[in-house]
Amino acid sequence: MFLNCNGSLIRRMSSPQQTPTGAQVPTPMESTSIVSGKTVIQMLFYTFLMVTLPISSYFLSKKMVFQDMFGYSSDDSVIPSALTAVVMVHVVLGLFVYAAYTEDIPAKPKRD
């Protein structure tokens, strides 16, 4: 598999083949798009969110919210901060599922 110039993954066929109905399968010089560039960018975005959002929410809520605002000790603020991070993981997963569910899938043209 390779990335072409517009960012979509392509698969190279090793030899030309025909289907039982006589339709031609792409030759080695042709390519078929497997994943669009938009999908790859969206996946990278949600991966970035999944890594950064829970970790940053843990440390920010531990220090700024639970220790500074509510006066918890460093040991007492661990569990509420961890729960905040878990909630952020679920928020990112929910956003990803929503984006995947509402994504427009282009209709494939019918071949004669």
N, C-alpha and C. Protein backbone atom coordinates (compact mmCIF):
# COMPACT_ATOMS: atom_id res chain seq x y z
N MET A 1 0.84 -1.18 0.00
CA MET A 1 0.00 0.00 0.00
C MET A 1 0.88 1.24 0.00
N PHE A 2 0.43 2.25 -0.66
CA PHE A 2 1.16 3.49 -0.80
C PHE A 2 0.24 4.67 -0.58
N LEU A 3 0.82 5.84 -0.28
CA LEU A 3 0.06 7.08 -0.22
C LEU A 3 0.24 7.80 -1.54
N ASN A 4 -0.86 8.23 -2.16
CA ASN A 4 -0.70 9.02 -3.37
C ASN A 4 -0.66 10.50 -3.02
N CYS A 5 -0.58 11.38 -4.02
CA CYS A 5 -0.33 12.80 -3.78
C CYS A 5 -1.45 13.49 -3.01
N ASN A 6 -2.69 12.99 -3.06
CA ASN A 6 -3.76 13.65 -2.31
C ASN A 6 -3.98 13.04 -0.93
N GLY A 7 -3.09 12.13 -0.50
CA GLY A 7 -3.15 11.61 0.85
C GLY A 7 -3.97 10.35 1.03
N SER A 8 -4.50 9.77 -0.05
CA SER A 8 -5.29 8.55 0.11
C SER A 8 -4.40 7.33 -0.12
N LEU A 9 -4.72 6.29 0.62
CA LEU A 9 -3.96 5.05 0.49
C LEU A 9 -4.38 4.32 -0.77
N ILE A 10 -3.41 3.74 -1.45
CA ILE A 10 -3.71 2.98 -2.65
C ILE A 10 -3.09 1.60 -2.55
N ARG A 11 -3.66 0.65 -3.26
CA ARG A 11 -3.16 -0.71 -3.27
C ARG A 11 -2.78 -1.04 -4.71
N ARG A 12 -1.61 -1.56 -4.89
CA ARG A 12 -1.15 -1.95 -6.21
C ARG A 12 -1.48 -3.41 -6.45
N MET A 13 -2.04 -3.71 -7.60
CA MET A 13 -2.36 -5.08 -7.98
C MET A 13 -1.13 -5.69 -8.66
N SER A 14 -0.86 -6.96 -8.43
CA SER A 14 0.34 -7.58 -8.99
C SER A 14 0.14 -8.02 -10.43
N SER A 15 -1.05 -8.42 -10.80
CA SER A 15 -1.28 -8.84 -12.18
C SER A 15 -2.72 -8.56 -12.56
N PRO A 16 -2.95 -8.21 -13.85
CA PRO A 16 -4.32 -7.93 -14.26
C PRO A 16 -5.15 -9.22 -14.23
N GLN A 17 -6.39 -9.09 -13.78
CA GLN A 17 -7.27 -10.24 -13.68
C GLN A 17 -8.64 -9.86 -14.21
N GLN A 18 -9.45 -10.86 -14.50
CA GLN A 18 -10.82 -10.63 -14.90
C GLN A 18 -11.75 -11.36 -13.95
N THR A 19 -12.87 -10.76 -13.70
CA THR A 19 -13.88 -11.40 -12.87
C THR A 19 -14.66 -12.38 -13.72
N PRO A 20 -15.47 -13.26 -13.12
CA PRO A 20 -16.27 -14.21 -13.92
C PRO A 20 -17.22 -13.54 -14.90
N THR A 21 -17.62 -12.30 -14.62
CA THR A 21 -18.51 -11.59 -15.53
C THR A 21 -17.75 -10.90 -16.65
N GLY A 22 -16.42 -10.96 -16.63
CA GLY A 22 -15.62 -10.36 -17.68
C GLY A 22 -15.15 -8.95 -17.38
N ALA A 23 -15.49 -8.41 -16.20
CA ALA A 23 -15.04 -7.06 -15.85
C ALA A 23 -13.55 -7.08 -15.54
N GLN A 24 -12.87 -6.04 -15.93
CA GLN A 24 -11.43 -5.96 -15.72
C GLN A 24 -11.11 -5.43 -14.33
N VAL A 25 -10.13 -6.04 -13.70
CA VAL A 25 -9.60 -5.58 -12.43
C VAL A 25 -8.43 -4.67 -12.76
N PRO A 26 -8.14 -3.64 -11.97
CA PRO A 26 -7.07 -2.70 -12.31
C PRO A 26 -5.73 -3.40 -12.57
N THR A 27 -5.01 -2.87 -13.53
CA THR A 27 -3.68 -3.39 -13.86
C THR A 27 -2.67 -2.87 -12.85
N PRO A 28 -1.41 -3.36 -12.88
CA PRO A 28 -0.42 -2.90 -11.90
C PRO A 28 -0.18 -1.40 -11.91
N MET A 29 -0.37 -0.74 -13.03
CA MET A 29 -0.12 0.69 -13.09
C MET A 29 -1.30 1.51 -12.56
N GLU A 30 -2.47 0.90 -12.46
CA GLU A 30 -3.63 1.59 -11.93
C GLU A 30 -3.70 1.37 -10.43
N SER A 31 -4.47 2.18 -9.76
CA SER A 31 -4.60 2.01 -8.31
C SER A 31 -6.05 2.18 -7.91
N THR A 32 -6.39 1.59 -6.78
CA THR A 32 -7.73 1.75 -6.23
C THR A 32 -7.60 2.41 -4.87
N SER A 33 -8.43 3.38 -4.60
CA SER A 33 -8.38 4.11 -3.33
C SER A 33 -9.02 3.27 -2.24
N ILE A 34 -8.31 3.10 -1.14
CA ILE A 34 -8.83 2.33 -0.01
C ILE A 34 -9.34 3.26 1.07
N VAL A 35 -8.54 4.26 1.44
CA VAL A 35 -8.89 5.20 2.50
C VAL A 35 -8.64 6.61 1.99
N SER A 36 -9.60 7.49 2.20
CA SER A 36 -9.43 8.87 1.74
C SER A 36 -8.52 9.65 2.68
N GLY A 37 -7.98 10.73 2.18
CA GLY A 37 -7.11 11.59 2.99
C GLY A 37 -7.86 12.20 4.16
N LYS A 38 -9.14 12.50 3.96
CA LYS A 38 -9.96 13.07 5.04
C LYS A 38 -10.07 12.09 6.21
N THR A 39 -10.21 10.82 5.90
CA THR A 39 -10.33 9.81 6.95
C THR A 39 -9.04 9.68 7.73
N VAL A 40 -7.91 9.74 7.05
CA VAL A 40 -6.61 9.64 7.72
C VAL A 40 -6.41 10.84 8.64
N ILE A 41 -6.73 12.03 8.16
CA ILE A 41 -6.59 13.24 8.97
C ILE A 41 -7.53 13.19 10.18
N GLN A 42 -8.75 12.72 9.96
CA GLN A 42 -9.70 12.61 11.07
C GLN A 42 -9.20 11.61 12.11
N MET A 43 -8.65 10.51 11.67
CA MET A 43 -8.13 9.51 12.60
C MET A 43 -6.94 10.07 13.39
N LEU A 44 -6.05 10.80 12.73
CA LEU A 44 -4.93 11.42 13.42
C LEU A 44 -5.41 12.45 14.45
N PHE A 45 -6.45 13.20 14.10
CA PHE A 45 -7.00 14.20 15.01
C PHE A 45 -7.54 13.54 16.28
N TYR A 46 -8.33 12.48 16.13
CA TYR A 46 -8.90 11.81 17.30
C TYR A 46 -7.83 11.05 18.08
N THR A 47 -6.80 10.57 17.42
CA THR A 47 -5.68 9.96 18.14
C THR A 47 -4.97 11.00 18.99
N PHE A 48 -4.74 12.19 18.42
CA PHE A 48 -4.13 13.28 19.17
C PHE A 48 -4.99 13.65 20.38
N LEU A 49 -6.30 13.76 20.18
CA LEU A 49 -7.19 14.08 21.30
C LEU A 49 -7.17 12.99 22.36
N MET A 50 -7.13 11.72 21.94
CA MET A 50 -7.16 10.62 22.89
C MET A 50 -5.90 10.58 23.75
N VAL A 51 -4.80 11.06 23.20
CA VAL A 51 -3.55 11.07 23.97
C VAL A 51 -3.47 12.30 24.87
N THR A 52 -3.78 13.47 24.33
CA THR A 52 -3.54 14.70 25.06
C THR A 52 -4.66 15.11 26.02
N LEU A 53 -5.89 14.93 25.64
CA LEU A 53 -7.00 15.44 26.46
C LEU A 53 -7.10 14.76 27.84
N PRO A 54 -7.08 13.43 27.94
CA PRO A 54 -7.17 12.84 29.28
C PRO A 54 -5.97 13.17 30.17
N ILE A 55 -4.77 13.16 29.60
CA ILE A 55 -3.58 13.45 30.40
C ILE A 55 -3.59 14.89 30.89
N SER A 56 -3.90 15.82 29.99
CA SER A 56 -3.92 17.22 30.40
C SER A 56 -5.06 17.50 31.37
N SER A 57 -6.21 16.86 31.16
CA SER A 57 -7.32 17.09 32.09
C SER A 57 -7.00 16.53 33.48
N TYR A 58 -6.26 15.42 33.53
CA TYR A 58 -5.88 14.87 34.83
C TYR A 58 -5.02 15.86 35.61
N PHE A 59 -3.94 16.33 34.98
CA PHE A 59 -3.02 17.20 35.70
C PHE A 59 -3.61 18.59 35.97
N LEU A 60 -4.35 19.13 35.01
CA LEU A 60 -4.96 20.44 35.24
C LEU A 60 -6.03 20.38 36.33
N SER A 61 -6.88 19.35 36.29
CA SER A 61 -7.92 19.28 37.32
C SER A 61 -7.32 18.96 38.69
N LYS A 62 -6.27 18.18 38.73
CA LYS A 62 -5.62 17.84 40.01
C LYS A 62 -5.07 19.09 40.68
N LYS A 63 -4.33 19.88 39.92
CA LYS A 63 -3.68 21.05 40.50
C LYS A 63 -4.64 22.24 40.64
N MET A 64 -5.28 22.62 39.54
CA MET A 64 -6.05 23.87 39.53
C MET A 64 -7.42 23.73 40.20
N VAL A 65 -8.08 22.61 40.00
CA VAL A 65 -9.45 22.48 40.52
C VAL A 65 -9.44 21.90 41.93
N PHE A 66 -8.89 20.70 42.07
CA PHE A 66 -9.06 19.99 43.34
C PHE A 66 -8.09 20.47 44.44
N GLN A 67 -6.87 20.84 44.08
CA GLN A 67 -5.94 21.30 45.11
C GLN A 67 -6.10 22.79 45.39
N ASP A 68 -6.13 23.62 44.34
CA ASP A 68 -6.20 25.07 44.54
C ASP A 68 -7.60 25.56 44.91
N MET A 69 -8.63 25.10 44.17
CA MET A 69 -9.98 25.61 44.43
C MET A 69 -10.65 24.93 45.62
N PHE A 70 -10.55 23.59 45.70
CA PHE A 70 -11.25 22.87 46.75
C PHE A 70 -10.38 22.55 47.96
N GLY A 71 -9.09 22.78 47.87
CA GLY A 71 -8.21 22.59 49.00
C GLY A 71 -7.90 21.14 49.35
N TYR A 72 -8.04 20.23 48.39
CA TYR A 72 -7.68 18.83 48.64
C TYR A 72 -6.17 18.71 48.76
N SER A 73 -5.71 17.71 49.49
CA SER A 73 -4.28 17.43 49.54
C SER A 73 -3.87 16.74 48.23
N SER A 74 -2.57 16.60 48.03
CA SER A 74 -2.09 15.98 46.81
C SER A 74 -2.57 14.53 46.69
N ASP A 75 -2.62 13.83 47.79
CA ASP A 75 -3.08 12.44 47.77
C ASP A 75 -4.60 12.34 47.58
N ASP A 76 -5.34 13.25 48.17
CA ASP A 76 -6.80 13.20 48.07
C ASP A 76 -7.32 13.63 46.71
N SER A 77 -6.53 14.35 45.94
CA SER A 77 -7.00 14.84 44.64
C SER A 77 -6.75 13.86 43.49
N VAL A 78 -6.13 12.73 43.77
CA VAL A 78 -5.79 11.77 42.71
C VAL A 78 -7.04 11.11 42.13
N ILE A 79 -7.92 10.62 42.97
CA ILE A 79 -9.09 9.88 42.47
C ILE A 79 -10.06 10.77 41.70
N PRO A 80 -10.43 11.96 42.20
CA PRO A 80 -11.32 12.80 41.38
C PRO A 80 -10.68 13.23 40.06
N SER A 81 -9.36 13.43 40.06
CA SER A 81 -8.68 13.80 38.82
C SER A 81 -8.65 12.64 37.84
N ALA A 82 -8.47 11.44 38.34
CA ALA A 82 -8.50 10.25 37.48
C ALA A 82 -9.89 10.06 36.89
N LEU A 83 -10.92 10.32 37.67
CA LEU A 83 -12.28 10.23 37.15
C LEU A 83 -12.52 11.28 36.06
N THR A 84 -11.95 12.45 36.22
CA THR A 84 -12.04 13.48 35.18
C THR A 84 -11.38 13.00 33.89
N ALA A 85 -10.23 12.35 34.01
CA ALA A 85 -9.55 11.82 32.83
C ALA A 85 -10.37 10.72 32.16
N VAL A 86 -11.00 9.87 32.94
CA VAL A 86 -11.84 8.81 32.38
C VAL A 86 -13.04 9.40 31.64
N VAL A 87 -13.62 10.44 32.20
CA VAL A 87 -14.74 11.11 31.53
C VAL A 87 -14.27 11.71 30.20
N MET A 88 -13.09 12.27 30.17
CA MET A 88 -12.56 12.85 28.93
C MET A 88 -12.32 11.77 27.87
N VAL A 89 -11.87 10.58 28.29
CA VAL A 89 -11.70 9.47 27.34
C VAL A 89 -13.05 9.12 26.72
N HIS A 90 -14.07 9.06 27.53
CA HIS A 90 -15.41 8.74 27.01
C HIS A 90 -15.95 9.84 26.12
N VAL A 91 -15.64 11.08 26.42
CA VAL A 91 -16.08 12.19 25.56
C VAL A 91 -15.42 12.08 24.19
N VAL A 92 -14.12 11.81 24.14
CA VAL A 92 -13.42 11.68 22.86
C VAL A 92 -13.96 10.48 22.08
N LEU A 93 -14.18 9.36 22.75
CA LEU A 93 -14.74 8.20 22.07
C LEU A 93 -16.14 8.49 21.53
N GLY A 94 -16.94 9.18 22.29
CA GLY A 94 -18.27 9.55 21.83
C GLY A 94 -18.22 10.47 20.62
N LEU A 95 -17.31 11.43 20.64
CA LEU A 95 -17.15 12.32 19.49
C LEU A 95 -16.69 11.56 18.25
N PHE A 96 -15.79 10.61 18.44
CA PHE A 96 -15.31 9.82 17.31
C PHE A 96 -16.43 8.97 16.72
N VAL A 97 -17.20 8.33 17.57
CA VAL A 97 -18.31 7.51 17.08
C VAL A 97 -19.34 8.37 16.37
N TYR A 98 -19.65 9.54 16.92
CA TYR A 98 -20.59 10.44 16.28
C TYR A 98 -20.08 10.90 14.91
N ALA A 99 -18.80 11.27 14.84
CA ALA A 99 -18.23 11.71 13.56
C ALA A 99 -18.22 10.57 12.55
N ALA A 100 -17.92 9.37 12.99
CA ALA A 100 -17.91 8.23 12.08
C ALA A 100 -19.32 7.88 11.62
N TYR A 101 -20.28 8.01 12.50
CA TYR A 101 -21.67 7.68 12.17
C TYR A 101 -22.27 8.68 11.18
N THR A 102 -21.93 9.95 11.33
CA THR A 102 -22.52 10.98 10.48
C THR A 102 -21.69 11.28 9.24
N GLU A 103 -20.59 10.55 9.04
CA GLU A 103 -19.73 10.80 7.88
C GLU A 103 -20.44 10.40 6.60
N ASP A 104 -20.31 11.24 5.59
CA ASP A 104 -20.90 10.95 4.29
C ASP A 104 -20.03 9.94 3.57
N ILE A 105 -20.65 8.84 3.15
CA ILE A 105 -19.94 7.84 2.38
C ILE A 105 -20.36 8.00 0.93
N PRO A 106 -19.39 8.32 0.04
CA PRO A 106 -19.78 8.52 -1.35
C PRO A 106 -20.24 7.22 -1.99
N ALA A 107 -21.25 7.35 -2.81
CA ALA A 107 -21.78 6.16 -3.51
C ALA A 107 -20.82 5.77 -4.62
N LYS A 108 -20.59 4.47 -4.74
CA LYS A 108 -19.70 3.99 -5.80
C LYS A 108 -20.47 3.97 -7.12
N PRO A 109 -19.82 4.46 -8.18
CA PRO A 109 -20.51 4.44 -9.48
C PRO A 109 -20.67 3.01 -9.97
N LYS A 110 -21.80 2.75 -10.63
CA LYS A 110 -22.04 1.42 -11.16
C LYS A 110 -21.23 1.23 -12.44
N ARG A 111 -20.59 0.09 -12.54
CA ARG A 111 -19.81 -0.23 -13.73
C ARG A 111 -20.64 -1.14 -14.64
N ASP A 112 -20.57 -0.85 -15.91
CA ASP A 112 -21.31 -1.69 -16.87
C ASP A 112 -20.46 -2.81 -17.38
